[in-house]
C-alpha atoms as a PDB file:
ATOM      1  CA  MET A   1      -3.778 -28.350  25.061  1.00  0.00           C
ATOM      2  CA  ALA A   2      -4.074 -28.565  28.373  1.00  0.00           C
ATOM      3  CA  GLY A   3      -7.733 -30.911  27.939  1.00  0.00           C
ATOM      4  CA  GLY A   4      -9.894 -28.174  29.508  1.00  0.00           C
ATOM      5  CA  VAL A   5      -9.553 -25.225  31.755  1.00  0.00           C
ATOM      6  CA  ALA A   6      -6.378 -24.231  32.747  1.00  0.00           C
ATOM      7  CA  LEU A   7      -3.929 -21.815  34.765  1.00  0.00           C
ATOM      8  CA  VAL A   8      -1.292 -19.698  32.267  1.00  0.00           C
ATOM      9  CA  GLU A   9       1.033 -18.079  33.530  1.00  0.00           C
ATOM     10  CA  GLY A  10       4.452 -16.422  32.238  1.00  0.00           C
ATOM     11  CA  ARG A  11       5.188 -15.674  28.843  1.00  0.00           C
ATOM     12  CA  GLY A  12       2.713 -19.076  29.036  1.00  0.00           C
ATOM     13  CA  GLU A  13       4.512 -21.669  29.053  1.00  0.00           C
ATOM     14  CA  ARG A  14       3.228 -22.451  32.411  1.00  0.00           C
ATOM     15  CA  VAL A  15       0.421 -25.106  32.012  1.00  0.00           C
ATOM     16  CA  ALA A  16      -1.814 -26.504  34.720  1.00  0.00           C
ATOM     17  CA  ARG A  17      -5.217 -28.026  34.465  1.00  0.00           C
ATOM     18  CA  LEU A  18      -7.611 -27.901  37.126  1.00  0.00           C
ATOM     19  CA  ASP A  19     -10.123 -29.785  36.614  1.00  0.00           C
ATOM     20  CA  GLY A  20     -13.036 -28.305  39.066  1.00  0.00           C
ATOM     21  CA  LEU A  21     -15.439 -26.006  37.251  1.00  0.00           C
ATOM     22  CA  HIS A  22     -18.410 -28.211  36.900  1.00  0.00           C
ATOM     23  CA  GLY A  23     -21.180 -26.747  33.553  1.00  0.00           C
ATOM     24  CA  SER A  24     -20.435 -25.820  30.353  1.00  0.00           C
ATOM     25  CA  PRO A  25     -20.346 -21.353  30.359  1.00  0.00           C
ATOM     26  CA  GLY A  26     -20.965 -20.104  27.399  1.00  0.00           C
ATOM     27  CA  VAL A  27     -18.024 -16.895  26.103  1.00  0.00           C
ATOM     28  CA  LEU A  28     -18.568 -14.119  23.817  1.00  0.00           C
ATOM     29  CA  LEU A  29     -15.726 -13.538  22.175  1.00  0.00           C
ATOM     30  CA  VAL A  30     -14.869 -10.351  20.238  1.00  0.00           C
ATOM     31  CA  THR A  31     -11.376  -9.618  18.534  1.00  0.00           C
ATOM     32  CA  PRO A  32     -11.069  -6.324  16.655  1.00  0.00           C
ATOM     33  CA  ALA A  33      -9.260  -6.042  13.506  1.00  0.00           C
ATOM     34  CA  VAL A  34      -6.420  -4.381  14.826  1.00  0.00           C
ATOM     35  CA  ALA A  35      -2.945  -6.005  15.021  1.00  0.00           C
ATOM     36  CA  VAL A  36      -0.865  -6.025  17.964  1.00  0.00           C
ATOM     37  CA  SER A  37       2.621  -7.111  19.006  1.00  0.00           C
ATOM     38  CA  THR A  38       2.678  -9.125  21.163  1.00  0.00           C
ATOM     39  CA  SER A  39       6.562  -8.106  21.563  1.00  0.00           C
ATOM     40  CA  ASP A  40       5.472  -4.633  22.537  1.00  0.00           C
ATOM     41  CA  VAL A  41       2.657  -5.585  24.820  1.00  0.00           C
ATOM     42  CA  PHE A  42       5.529  -7.302  27.159  1.00  0.00           C
ATOM     43  CA  ALA A  43       7.736  -4.538  26.250  1.00  0.00           C
ATOM     44  CA  ALA A  44       4.970  -2.470  27.945  1.00  0.00           C
ATOM     45  CA  PHE A  45       4.388  -4.782  30.574  1.00  0.00           C
ATOM     46  CA  ASP A  46       7.945  -4.685  31.857  1.00  0.00           C
ATOM     47  CA  ALA A  47       7.810  -1.512  31.805  1.00  0.00           C
ATOM     48  CA  ILE A  48       5.197  -0.569  34.247  1.00  0.00           C
ATOM     49  CA  ARG A  49       5.427  -4.078  36.198  1.00  0.00           C
ATOM     50  CA  SER A  50       7.065  -1.956  38.960  1.00  0.00           C
ATOM     51  CA  HIS A  51       3.633  -0.266  39.885  1.00  0.00           C
ATOM     52  CA  GLY A  52       1.338  -2.829  40.384  1.00  0.00           C
ATOM     53  CA  ASP A  53       0.884  -4.081  43.964  1.00  0.00           C
ATOM     54  CA  GLY A  54      -0.138  -7.629  43.174  1.00  0.00           C
ATOM     55  CA  ALA A  55      -3.685  -7.220  43.203  1.00  0.00           C
ATOM     56  CA  THR A  56      -3.791  -9.119  40.022  1.00  0.00           C
ATOM     57  CA  ARG A  57      -1.608 -12.307  40.789  1.00  0.00           C
ATOM     58  CA  MET A  58      -3.577 -12.842  44.328  1.00  0.00           C
ATOM     59  CA  THR A  59      -7.220 -12.452  42.064  1.00  0.00           C
ATOM     60  CA  SER A  60      -6.251 -14.949  39.336  1.00  0.00           C
ATOM     61  CA  MET A  61      -4.612 -17.487  42.390  1.00  0.00           C
ATOM     62  CA  HIS A  62      -7.873 -17.115  44.216  1.00  0.00           C
ATOM     63  CA  LEU A  63      -9.662 -18.287  41.098  1.00  0.00           C
ATOM     64  CA  ALA A  64      -7.308 -20.846  40.324  1.00  0.00           C
ATOM     65  CA  GLU A  65      -7.822 -22.715  43.805  1.00  0.00           C
ATOM     66  CA  GLU A  66     -11.478 -22.601  42.857  1.00  0.00           C
ATOM     67  CA  LEU A  67     -11.304 -24.239  39.782  1.00  0.00           C
ATOM     68  CA  ARG A  68      -8.841 -26.518  41.568  1.00  0.00           C
ATOM     69  CA  ALA A  69     -11.933 -27.391  43.960  1.00  0.00           C
ATOM     70  CA  LYS A  70     -15.239 -26.813  42.406  1.00  0.00           C
ATOM     71  CA  LEU A  71     -17.036 -24.109  40.650  1.00  0.00           C
ATOM     72  CA  SER A  72     -20.439 -24.176  39.033  1.00  0.00           C
ATOM     73  CA  THR A  73     -21.224 -22.214  36.303  1.00  0.00           C
ATOM     74  CA  ALA A  74     -23.240 -19.821  37.916  1.00  0.00           C
ATOM     75  CA  ASP A  75     -20.051 -19.457  40.436  1.00  0.00           C
ATOM     76  CA  LEU A  76     -17.771 -18.392  36.990  1.00  0.00           C
ATOM     77  CA  VAL A  77     -20.143 -16.134  35.525  1.00  0.00           C
ATOM     78  CA  ALA A  78     -21.084 -14.469  39.554  1.00  0.00           C
ATOM     79  CA  ARG A  79     -17.413 -13.767  39.513  1.00  0.00           C
ATOM     80  CA  ALA A  80     -17.032 -12.053  36.091  1.00  0.00           C
ATOM     81  CA  GLY A  81     -15.872  -8.800  37.044  1.00  0.00           C
ATOM     82  CA  ALA A  82     -13.363 -10.321  38.893  1.00  0.00           C
ATOM     83  CA  LEU A  83     -11.507 -12.343  35.927  1.00  0.00           C
ATOM     84  CA  THR A  84     -12.304  -9.136  34.210  1.00  0.00           C
ATOM     85  CA  VAL A  85      -9.353  -7.619  35.651  1.00  0.00           C
ATOM     86  CA  ALA A  86      -7.212 -10.235  36.094  1.00  0.00           C
ATOM     87  CA  ASN A  87      -4.880  -9.745  32.929  1.00  0.00           C
ATOM     88  CA  ASP A  88      -2.038  -9.311  34.182  1.00  0.00           C
ATOM     89  CA  LEU A  89      -1.430  -7.828  30.523  1.00  0.00           C
ATOM     90  CA  LEU A  90      -4.347  -5.394  30.119  1.00  0.00           C
ATOM     91  CA  PRO A  91      -3.046  -1.957  31.090  1.00  0.00           C
ATOM     92  CA  ALA A  92      -0.124  -2.423  29.242  1.00  0.00           C
ATOM     93  CA  THR A  93      -1.991  -3.448  25.921  1.00  0.00           C
ATOM     94  CA  ALA A  94      -3.940  -0.258  26.857  1.00  0.00           C
ATOM     95  CA  MET A  95      -1.245   1.455  25.911  1.00  0.00           C
ATOM     96  CA  VAL A  96      -0.126  -0.482  22.768  1.00  0.00           C
ATOM     97  CA  VAL A  97      -3.215   0.098  21.384  1.00  0.00           C
ATOM     98  CA  PRO A  98      -5.240   2.397  23.380  1.00  0.00           C
ATOM     99  CA  GLY A  99      -8.156   1.964  20.891  1.00  0.00           C
ATOM    100  CA  LEU A 100      -9.038  -0.365  22.955  1.00  0.00           C
ATOM    101  CA  VAL A 101     -10.273   1.014  25.687  1.00  0.00           C
ATOM    102  CA  PRO A 102     -13.208   2.745  24.441  1.00  0.00           C
ATOM    103  CA  PHE A 103     -13.937  -0.232  22.997  1.00  0.00           C
ATOM    104  CA  ARG A 104     -14.216  -2.969  26.282  1.00  0.00           C
ATOM    105  CA  ARG A 105     -16.324   0.125  27.698  1.00  0.00           C
ATOM    106  CA  GLY A 106     -18.258   0.326  25.046  1.00  0.00           C
ATOM    107  CA  LEU A 107     -18.978  -3.536  24.852  1.00  0.00           C
ATOM    108  CA  SER A 108     -19.519  -3.641  28.853  1.00  0.00           C
ATOM    109  CA  ARG A 109     -22.505  -0.487  28.649  1.00  0.00           C
ATOM    110  CA  LEU A 110     -24.224  -2.264  25.419  1.00  0.00           C
ATOM    111  CA  LEU A 111     -23.308  -6.139  27.049  1.00  0.00           C
ATOM    112  CA  GLY A 112     -24.003  -4.241  31.087  1.00  0.00           C
ATOM    113  CA  ARG A 113     -21.982  -7.248  31.921  1.00  0.00           C
ATOM    114  CA  PRO A 114     -18.167  -7.040  32.311  1.00  0.00           C
ATOM    115  CA  VAL A 115     -15.226  -7.304  29.249  1.00  0.00           C
ATOM    116  CA  GLY A 116     -11.917  -8.797  29.968  1.00  0.00           C
ATOM    117  CA  LEU A 117      -9.104  -8.662  28.316  1.00  0.00           C
ATOM    118  CA  SER A 118      -7.764 -12.694  26.173  1.00  0.00           C
ATOM    119  CA  GLY A 119      -3.670 -12.179  26.777  1.00  0.00           C
ATOM    120  CA  SER A 120      -1.902  -9.607  25.126  1.00  0.00           C
ATOM    121  CA  GLY A 121      -5.110  -9.270  22.836  1.00  0.00           C
ATOM    122  CA  PRO A 122      -6.900  -7.675  21.219  1.00  0.00           C
ATOM    123  CA  THR A 123      -9.487 -10.318  21.450  1.00  0.00           C
ATOM    124  CA  LEU A 124     -12.016  -9.054  24.246  1.00  0.00           C
ATOM    125  CA  TRP A 125     -14.345 -11.768  26.127  1.00  0.00           C
ATOM    126  CA  THR A 126     -17.413 -12.050  28.780  1.00  0.00           C
ATOM    127  CA  LEU A 127     -19.246 -14.789  30.127  1.00  0.00           C
ATOM    128  CA  TYR A 128     -22.485 -15.902  30.227  1.00  0.00           C
ATOM    129  CA  ALA A 129     -24.320 -18.741  31.726  1.00  0.00           C
ATOM    130  CA  SER A 130     -24.890 -20.561  28.025  1.00  0.00           C
ATOM    131  CA  GLU A 131     -24.033 -20.752  24.737  1.00  0.00           C
ATOM    132  CA  VAL A 132     -27.564 -19.655  23.524  1.00  0.00           C
ATOM    133  CA  GLU A 133     -27.026 -16.556  26.053  1.00  0.00           C
ATOM    134  CA  ALA A 134     -23.384 -16.018  24.045  1.00  0.00           C
ATOM    135  CA  ALA A 135     -24.982 -15.879  20.886  1.00  0.00           C
ATOM    136  CA  ASP A 136     -27.993 -13.369  21.605  1.00  0.00           C
ATOM    137  CA  ALA A 137     -24.532 -11.353  22.761  1.00  0.00           C
ATOM    138  CA  ALA A 138     -23.075 -11.727  19.620  1.00  0.00           C
ATOM    139  CA  GLU A 139     -25.996 -11.047  17.338  1.00  0.00           C
ATOM    140  CA  SER A 140     -26.429  -7.940  20.080  1.00  0.00           C
ATOM    141  CA  VAL A 141     -22.643  -6.432  18.810  1.00  0.00           C
ATOM    142  CA  ARG A 142     -23.279  -7.255  15.520  1.00  0.00           C
ATOM    143  CA  THR A 143     -26.477  -4.819  15.049  1.00  0.00           C
ATOM    144  CA  ALA A 144     -24.588  -2.498  17.217  1.00  0.00           C
ATOM    145  CA  LEU A 145     -21.630  -2.737  15.060  1.00  0.00           C
ATOM    146  CA  TYR A 146     -23.689  -2.219  11.848  1.00  0.00           C
ATOM    147  CA  GLU A 147     -26.169   0.274  13.521  1.00  0.00           C
ATOM    148  CA  GLY A 148     -23.260   2.582  14.228  1.00  0.00           C
ATOM    149  CA  ARG A 149     -23.337   2.287  18.161  1.00  0.00           C
ATOM    150  CA  LEU A 150     -20.236   0.932  18.645  1.00  0.00           C
ATOM    151  CA  THR A 151     -16.866   1.230  17.477  1.00  0.00           C
ATOM    152  CA  ALA A 152     -14.593  -0.804  16.672  1.00  0.00           C
ATOM    153  CA  PRO A 153     -10.659  -0.679  16.835  1.00  0.00           C
ATOM    154  CA  GLY A 154      -9.333  -0.984  13.715  1.00  0.00           C
ATOM    155  CA  ASP A 155     -10.149  -1.382  10.225  1.00  0.00           C
ATOM    156  CA  ALA A 156     -12.575  -4.122   9.267  1.00  0.00           C
ATOM    157  CA  PRO A 157     -15.225  -5.181  11.146  1.00  0.00           C
ATOM    158  CA  PRO A 158     -14.132  -7.163  14.330  1.00  0.00           C
ATOM    159  CA  PHE A 159     -14.927 -11.000  13.874  1.00  0.00           C
ATOM    160  CA  VAL A 160     -17.680 -11.940  17.146  1.00  0.00           C
ATOM    161  CA  ALA A 161     -18.531 -15.272  17.930  1.00  0.00           C
ATOM    162  CA  ALA A 162     -20.328 -17.358  20.494  1.00  0.00           C
ATOM    163  CA  THR A 163     -18.268 -20.271  22.220  1.00  0.00           C
ATOM    164  CA  VAL A 164     -18.242 -22.763  25.108  1.00  0.00           C
ATOM    165  CA  ILE A 165     -15.970 -22.689  28.022  1.00  0.00           C
ATOM    166  CA  VAL A 166     -15.552 -27.600  28.128  1.00  0.00           C
ATOM    167  CA  SER A 167     -14.244 -28.195  31.140  1.00  0.00           C
ATOM    168  CA  VAL A 168     -12.683 -31.586  31.297  1.00  0.00           C
ATOM    169  CA  HIS A 169     -16.166 -33.403  32.860  1.00  0.00           C
ATOM    170  CA  GLN A 170     -17.842 -32.444  29.858  1.00  0.00           C
ATOM    171  CA  GLN A 171     -15.465 -33.975  27.762  1.00  0.00           C
ATOM    172  CA  GLY A 172     -15.513 -37.414  29.270  1.00  0.00           C
ATOM    173  CA  SER A 173     -12.552 -37.352  30.646  1.00  0.00           C
ATOM    174  CA  GLN A 174     -10.776 -38.126  34.456  1.00  0.00           C
ATOM    175  CA  PRO A 175      -8.714 -35.046  36.526  1.00  0.00           C
END
């Protein structure tokens, strides 16, 4: 919607383009078959918000500044650990859908890398240097689910897909 990578704040109404990403990082997306009420997540967030220390917001703002400047795919992937905890809604979503917590941990153990939550959930994500690496990870997740080594919440198999982050530079646009 913003024409590339963007910082999204508030309840999604504040969107600022971040034109400094160079490269096309791969992303693995895993969406469990569970309903997550955004209004329930925000109600839980409002109930626990006073307990935060501002570290999540500082992490998000620091990354946004790096993306405004210049950040390579390798640098973005290297920061994945910090990014996975930079979602203010993560604790609230975990309260609303507790089954996401063990599933997220299981994905992280399986993949050997940090796993983040997209928005209010339930989609989980992890970063890779390329779409090929993300596709290999997607196949690993599908296999682990099929073999029962990984159990997803919900009454159906999760949606599992590999994609890339497309920056303005790959689209041919000028900032």
